[in-house]
Amino acid sequence: MLALAREFRFRARHLVFPMLGVLLMLYFGYHAVQGDRGLLALMKRSNDVEEARSRVAALRAEHEAIEHKVARLKPESLDLDLLDERARAILNLSAPDEVVLIERPDAR
């Protein structure tokens, strides 16, 4: 029985450092994939960046459309139809022979 205990201690000494090495590798491997700055977080951030870029592109297009409308309202290039449209929308007026279609925002 004593010889078995010695043999176990002898073999355990040779296994301690390799086991610690394996455990450390597993620990760092797990955090390299699942951690705050791991591969999964990197993929999520990449998706977030792509969504933000597409949102920026949409907002830029909307901004350019508004700038175009504003440019058409300047005195040197006044678009009378647009001016009439904006005046009627702001004052809530219409001509007697016009048909007004009201679109609800929740109808879509």
N, C-alpha and C. Protein backbone atom coordinates (compact mmCIF):
# COMPACT_ATOMS: atom_id res chain seq x y z
N MET A 1 0.82 -1.19 0.00
CA MET A 1 0.00 0.00 0.00
C MET A 1 0.86 1.25 0.00
N LEU A 2 1.95 1.21 0.74
CA LEU A 2 2.85 2.34 0.82
C LEU A 2 3.53 2.58 -0.53
N ALA A 3 3.85 1.53 -1.22
CA ALA A 3 4.48 1.65 -2.54
C ALA A 3 3.51 2.27 -3.54
N LEU A 4 2.26 1.94 -3.41
CA LEU A 4 1.24 2.50 -4.31
C LEU A 4 1.10 4.01 -4.08
N ALA A 5 1.13 4.42 -2.81
CA ALA A 5 1.04 5.85 -2.50
C ALA A 5 2.25 6.60 -3.05
N ARG A 6 3.45 6.02 -2.91
CA ARG A 6 4.66 6.66 -3.45
C ARG A 6 4.58 6.78 -4.98
N GLU A 7 4.13 5.71 -5.60
CA GLU A 7 4.00 5.73 -7.06
C GLU A 7 3.01 6.80 -7.50
N PHE A 8 1.91 6.90 -6.77
CA PHE A 8 0.90 7.92 -7.09
C PHE A 8 1.48 9.32 -6.94
N ARG A 9 2.19 9.61 -5.85
CA ARG A 9 2.81 10.92 -5.64
C ARG A 9 3.84 11.23 -6.73
N PHE A 10 4.62 10.22 -7.09
CA PHE A 10 5.65 10.39 -8.11
C PHE A 10 5.00 10.77 -9.46
N ARG A 11 3.97 10.05 -9.82
CA ARG A 11 3.29 10.33 -11.10
C ARG A 11 2.50 11.65 -11.02
N ALA A 12 1.96 11.96 -9.87
CA ALA A 12 1.20 13.20 -9.70
C ALA A 12 2.10 14.41 -9.89
N ARG A 13 3.35 14.34 -9.42
CA ARG A 13 4.29 15.46 -9.58
C ARG A 13 4.54 15.73 -11.06
N HIS A 14 4.59 14.69 -11.85
CA HIS A 14 4.86 14.86 -13.27
C HIS A 14 3.62 15.30 -14.04
N LEU A 15 2.48 15.17 -13.43
CA LEU A 15 1.24 15.57 -14.10
C LEU A 15 0.74 16.95 -13.68
N VAL A 16 1.24 17.50 -12.60
CA VAL A 16 0.73 18.78 -12.09
C VAL A 16 0.96 19.90 -13.09
N PHE A 17 2.18 20.08 -13.57
CA PHE A 17 2.46 21.20 -14.47
C PHE A 17 1.78 21.05 -15.84
N PRO A 18 1.78 19.86 -16.42
CA PRO A 18 1.02 19.73 -17.67
C PRO A 18 -0.48 19.99 -17.49
N MET A 19 -1.03 19.54 -16.36
CA MET A 19 -2.46 19.80 -16.11
C MET A 19 -2.73 21.29 -15.91
N LEU A 20 -1.83 21.96 -15.18
CA LEU A 20 -1.98 23.42 -15.03
C LEU A 20 -1.89 24.11 -16.38
N GLY A 21 -0.96 23.65 -17.22
CA GLY A 21 -0.84 24.22 -18.56
C GLY A 21 -2.10 24.03 -19.38
N VAL A 22 -2.66 22.84 -19.32
CA VAL A 22 -3.90 22.57 -20.06
C VAL A 22 -5.03 23.43 -19.53
N LEU A 23 -5.14 23.55 -18.21
CA LEU A 23 -6.19 24.38 -17.62
C LEU A 23 -6.03 25.84 -18.02
N LEU A 24 -4.80 26.34 -18.02
CA LEU A 24 -4.57 27.72 -18.45
C LEU A 24 -4.93 27.91 -19.92
N MET A 25 -4.58 26.95 -20.73
CA MET A 25 -4.94 27.06 -22.15
C MET A 25 -6.45 27.05 -22.34
N LEU A 26 -7.14 26.21 -21.60
CA LEU A 26 -8.61 26.19 -21.68
C LEU A 26 -9.20 27.52 -21.21
N TYR A 27 -8.66 28.06 -20.13
CA TYR A 27 -9.15 29.33 -19.60
C TYR A 27 -8.99 30.44 -20.63
N PHE A 28 -7.78 30.58 -21.17
CA PHE A 28 -7.54 31.65 -22.13
C PHE A 28 -8.26 31.39 -23.46
N GLY A 29 -8.38 30.14 -23.84
CA GLY A 29 -9.13 29.81 -25.05
C GLY A 29 -10.60 30.18 -24.93
N TYR A 30 -11.17 29.88 -23.79
CA TYR A 30 -12.58 30.24 -23.56
C TYR A 30 -12.77 31.74 -23.65
N HIS A 31 -11.90 32.51 -22.99
CA HIS A 31 -12.04 33.96 -23.00
C HIS A 31 -11.69 34.57 -24.36
N ALA A 32 -10.87 33.88 -25.13
CA ALA A 32 -10.58 34.37 -26.49
C ALA A 32 -11.81 34.26 -27.39
N VAL A 33 -12.68 33.33 -27.09
CA VAL A 33 -13.89 33.16 -27.89
C VAL A 33 -15.08 33.87 -27.26
N GLN A 34 -15.30 33.67 -25.97
CA GLN A 34 -16.51 34.15 -25.30
C GLN A 34 -16.34 35.46 -24.54
N GLY A 35 -15.15 35.94 -24.36
CA GLY A 35 -14.90 37.08 -23.50
C GLY A 35 -15.43 38.40 -24.06
N ASP A 36 -15.24 39.47 -23.29
CA ASP A 36 -15.70 40.80 -23.69
C ASP A 36 -15.06 41.26 -24.99
N ARG A 37 -13.84 40.84 -25.22
CA ARG A 37 -13.14 41.21 -26.44
C ARG A 37 -12.80 39.97 -27.28
N GLY A 38 -13.62 38.95 -27.18
CA GLY A 38 -13.40 37.69 -27.87
C GLY A 38 -13.93 37.72 -29.29
N LEU A 39 -13.87 36.57 -29.94
CA LEU A 39 -14.29 36.47 -31.33
C LEU A 39 -15.78 36.73 -31.52
N LEU A 40 -16.60 36.23 -30.61
CA LEU A 40 -18.04 36.47 -30.73
C LEU A 40 -18.38 37.94 -30.55
N ALA A 41 -17.70 38.61 -29.64
CA ALA A 41 -17.91 40.04 -29.45
C ALA A 41 -17.45 40.82 -30.68
N LEU A 42 -16.35 40.38 -31.28
CA LEU A 42 -15.86 41.03 -32.50
C LEU A 42 -16.88 40.91 -33.63
N MET A 43 -17.46 39.74 -33.78
CA MET A 43 -18.47 39.56 -34.83
C MET A 43 -19.70 40.42 -34.57
N LYS A 44 -20.11 40.52 -33.31
CA LYS A 44 -21.27 41.35 -32.98
C LYS A 44 -20.97 42.81 -33.26
N ARG A 45 -19.78 43.26 -32.90
CA ARG A 45 -19.41 44.66 -33.15
C ARG A 45 -19.33 44.94 -34.65
N SER A 46 -18.87 43.96 -35.42
CA SER A 46 -18.80 44.14 -36.87
C SER A 46 -20.21 44.31 -37.44
N ASN A 47 -21.15 43.52 -36.94
CA ASN A 47 -22.54 43.67 -37.38
C ASN A 47 -23.10 45.02 -36.98
N ASP A 48 -22.78 45.47 -35.77
CA ASP A 48 -23.24 46.78 -35.31
C ASP A 48 -22.69 47.89 -36.19
N VAL A 49 -21.43 47.77 -36.59
CA VAL A 49 -20.81 48.78 -37.45
C VAL A 49 -21.50 48.81 -38.80
N GLU A 50 -21.80 47.65 -39.37
CA GLU A 50 -22.48 47.60 -40.66
C GLU A 50 -23.87 48.23 -40.57
N GLU A 51 -24.60 47.94 -39.50
CA GLU A 51 -25.93 48.54 -39.31
C GLU A 51 -25.82 50.06 -39.18
N ALA A 52 -24.82 50.52 -38.46
CA ALA A 52 -24.63 51.96 -38.29
C ALA A 52 -24.27 52.61 -39.62
N ARG A 53 -23.45 51.95 -40.42
CA ARG A 53 -23.09 52.51 -41.73
C ARG A 53 -24.31 52.61 -42.64
N SER A 54 -25.15 51.59 -42.62
CA SER A 54 -26.35 51.65 -43.47
C SER A 54 -27.30 52.73 -42.97
N ARG A 55 -27.39 52.90 -41.66
CA ARG A 55 -28.23 53.98 -41.10
C ARG A 55 -27.69 55.35 -41.49
N VAL A 56 -26.37 55.51 -41.44
CA VAL A 56 -25.74 56.78 -41.84
C VAL A 56 -26.02 57.06 -43.31
N ALA A 57 -25.93 56.03 -44.15
CA ALA A 57 -26.21 56.21 -45.58
C ALA A 57 -27.66 56.65 -45.80
N ALA A 58 -28.59 56.05 -45.07
CA ALA A 58 -30.00 56.43 -45.20
C ALA A 58 -30.22 57.86 -44.72
N LEU A 59 -29.58 58.22 -43.62
CA LEU A 59 -29.74 59.58 -43.11
C LEU A 59 -29.10 60.60 -44.04
N ARG A 60 -27.99 60.25 -44.66
CA ARG A 60 -27.36 61.16 -45.62
C ARG A 60 -28.26 61.38 -46.82
N ALA A 61 -28.89 60.31 -47.30
CA ALA A 61 -29.81 60.43 -48.44
C ALA A 61 -30.99 61.32 -48.07
N GLU A 62 -31.51 61.13 -46.87
CA GLU A 62 -32.62 61.98 -46.40
C GLU A 62 -32.17 63.43 -46.28
N HIS A 63 -30.97 63.63 -45.77
CA HIS A 63 -30.41 64.98 -45.62
C HIS A 63 -30.26 65.66 -46.98
N GLU A 64 -29.77 64.91 -47.96
CA GLU A 64 -29.61 65.47 -49.30
C GLU A 64 -30.95 65.83 -49.92
N ALA A 65 -31.97 65.01 -49.68
CA ALA A 65 -33.31 65.30 -50.20
C ALA A 65 -33.86 66.58 -49.58
N ILE A 66 -33.64 66.74 -48.29
CA ILE A 66 -34.11 67.96 -47.62
C ILE A 66 -33.33 69.17 -48.12
N GLU A 67 -32.02 69.01 -48.30
CA GLU A 67 -31.22 70.11 -48.84
C GLU A 67 -31.69 70.51 -50.22
N HIS A 68 -32.06 69.51 -51.03
CA HIS A 68 -32.56 69.80 -52.38
C HIS A 68 -33.86 70.59 -52.31
N LYS A 69 -34.75 70.20 -51.41
CA LYS A 69 -36.01 70.94 -51.24
C LYS A 69 -35.75 72.36 -50.78
N VAL A 70 -34.84 72.53 -49.84
CA VAL A 70 -34.53 73.86 -49.33
C VAL A 70 -33.93 74.72 -50.43
N ALA A 71 -33.07 74.12 -51.25
CA ALA A 71 -32.47 74.88 -52.36
C ALA A 71 -33.53 75.35 -53.34
N ARG A 72 -34.59 74.56 -53.50
CA ARG A 72 -35.67 74.98 -54.41
C ARG A 72 -36.54 76.07 -53.82
N LEU A 73 -36.42 76.34 -52.53
CA LEU A 73 -37.20 77.42 -51.90
C LEU A 73 -36.42 78.72 -51.77
N LYS A 74 -35.17 78.73 -52.19
CA LYS A 74 -34.36 79.96 -52.12
C LYS A 74 -34.86 80.95 -53.16
N PRO A 75 -34.73 82.25 -52.87
CA PRO A 75 -35.27 83.27 -53.79
C PRO A 75 -34.69 83.20 -55.21
N GLU A 76 -33.42 82.86 -55.37
CA GLU A 76 -32.84 82.84 -56.72
C GLU A 76 -33.31 81.65 -57.55
N SER A 77 -33.82 80.61 -56.93
CA SER A 77 -34.32 79.45 -57.68
C SER A 77 -35.64 78.98 -57.09
N LEU A 78 -36.57 79.88 -56.95
CA LEU A 78 -37.83 79.58 -56.29
C LEU A 78 -38.72 78.71 -57.17
N ASP A 79 -39.18 77.60 -56.63
CA ASP A 79 -40.11 76.71 -57.30
C ASP A 79 -41.50 77.03 -56.76
N LEU A 80 -42.32 77.64 -57.62
CA LEU A 80 -43.62 78.12 -57.16
C LEU A 80 -44.55 76.97 -56.75
N ASP A 81 -44.45 75.84 -57.40
CA ASP A 81 -45.29 74.70 -57.02
C ASP A 81 -44.93 74.21 -55.61
N LEU A 82 -43.64 74.13 -55.33
CA LEU A 82 -43.22 73.71 -54.00
C LEU A 82 -43.63 74.73 -52.95
N LEU A 83 -43.50 76.01 -53.29
CA LEU A 83 -43.91 77.07 -52.35
C LEU A 83 -45.41 76.96 -52.06
N ASP A 84 -46.19 76.75 -53.11
CA ASP A 84 -47.64 76.60 -52.94
C ASP A 84 -47.96 75.37 -52.09
N GLU A 85 -47.27 74.28 -52.34
CA GLU A 85 -47.49 73.05 -51.56
C GLU A 85 -47.18 73.27 -50.09
N ARG A 86 -46.05 73.88 -49.79
CA ARG A 86 -45.66 74.11 -48.39
C ARG A 86 -46.62 75.09 -47.71
N ALA A 87 -47.04 76.14 -48.42
CA ALA A 87 -47.96 77.11 -47.82
C ALA A 87 -49.29 76.44 -47.48
N ARG A 88 -49.78 75.61 -48.39
CA ARG A 88 -51.05 74.92 -48.13
C ARG A 88 -50.92 73.93 -46.97
N ALA A 89 -49.79 73.25 -46.90
CA ALA A 89 -49.59 72.28 -45.81
C ALA A 89 -49.49 72.98 -44.47
N ILE A 90 -48.79 74.10 -44.44
CA ILE A 90 -48.61 74.81 -43.17
C ILE A 90 -49.91 75.48 -42.73
N LEU A 91 -50.62 76.11 -43.69
CA LEU A 91 -51.85 76.81 -43.34
C LEU A 91 -53.08 75.91 -43.33
N ASN A 92 -52.90 74.65 -43.74
CA ASN A 92 -54.00 73.69 -43.79
C ASN A 92 -55.13 74.18 -44.68
N LEU A 93 -54.76 74.63 -45.88
CA LEU A 93 -55.73 75.15 -46.84
C LEU A 93 -55.74 74.29 -48.09
N SER A 94 -56.85 74.36 -48.82
CA SER A 94 -56.94 73.72 -50.13
C SER A 94 -57.90 74.53 -50.99
N ALA A 95 -57.77 74.36 -52.29
CA ALA A 95 -58.67 75.06 -53.22
C ALA A 95 -60.02 74.35 -53.21
N PRO A 96 -61.07 75.04 -53.58
CA PRO A 96 -62.41 74.43 -53.54
C PRO A 96 -62.56 73.22 -54.47
N ASP A 97 -61.81 73.17 -55.57
CA ASP A 97 -61.96 72.06 -56.52
C ASP A 97 -60.96 70.93 -56.29
N GLU A 98 -60.21 70.97 -55.20
CA GLU A 98 -59.20 69.96 -54.93
C GLU A 98 -59.78 68.81 -54.09
N VAL A 99 -59.24 67.65 -54.32
CA VAL A 99 -59.59 66.48 -53.52
C VAL A 99 -58.39 66.20 -52.62
N VAL A 100 -58.63 66.09 -51.31
CA VAL A 100 -57.57 65.87 -50.34
C VAL A 100 -57.63 64.43 -49.85
N LEU A 101 -56.51 63.73 -49.99
CA LEU A 101 -56.40 62.37 -49.48
C LEU A 101 -55.53 62.40 -48.22
N ILE A 102 -56.09 61.97 -47.13
CA ILE A 102 -55.36 61.99 -45.85
C ILE A 102 -54.83 60.57 -45.61
N GLU A 103 -53.54 60.51 -45.40
CA GLU A 103 -52.89 59.21 -45.16
C GLU A 103 -52.55 59.11 -43.69
N ARG A 104 -53.01 58.04 -43.08
CA ARG A 104 -52.69 57.83 -41.66
C ARG A 104 -51.31 57.18 -41.55
N PRO A 105 -50.50 57.59 -40.56
CA PRO A 105 -49.18 56.99 -40.40
C PRO A 105 -49.23 55.51 -40.03
N ASP A 106 -50.28 55.08 -39.33
CA ASP A 106 -50.37 53.68 -38.90
C ASP A 106 -51.00 52.78 -39.97
N ALA A 107 -51.36 53.33 -41.12
CA ALA A 107 -52.01 52.55 -42.18
C ALA A 107 -51.03 51.65 -42.90
N ARG A 108 -49.74 51.91 -42.76
CA ARG A 108 -48.73 51.11 -43.45
C ARG A 108 -48.54 49.87 -42.68
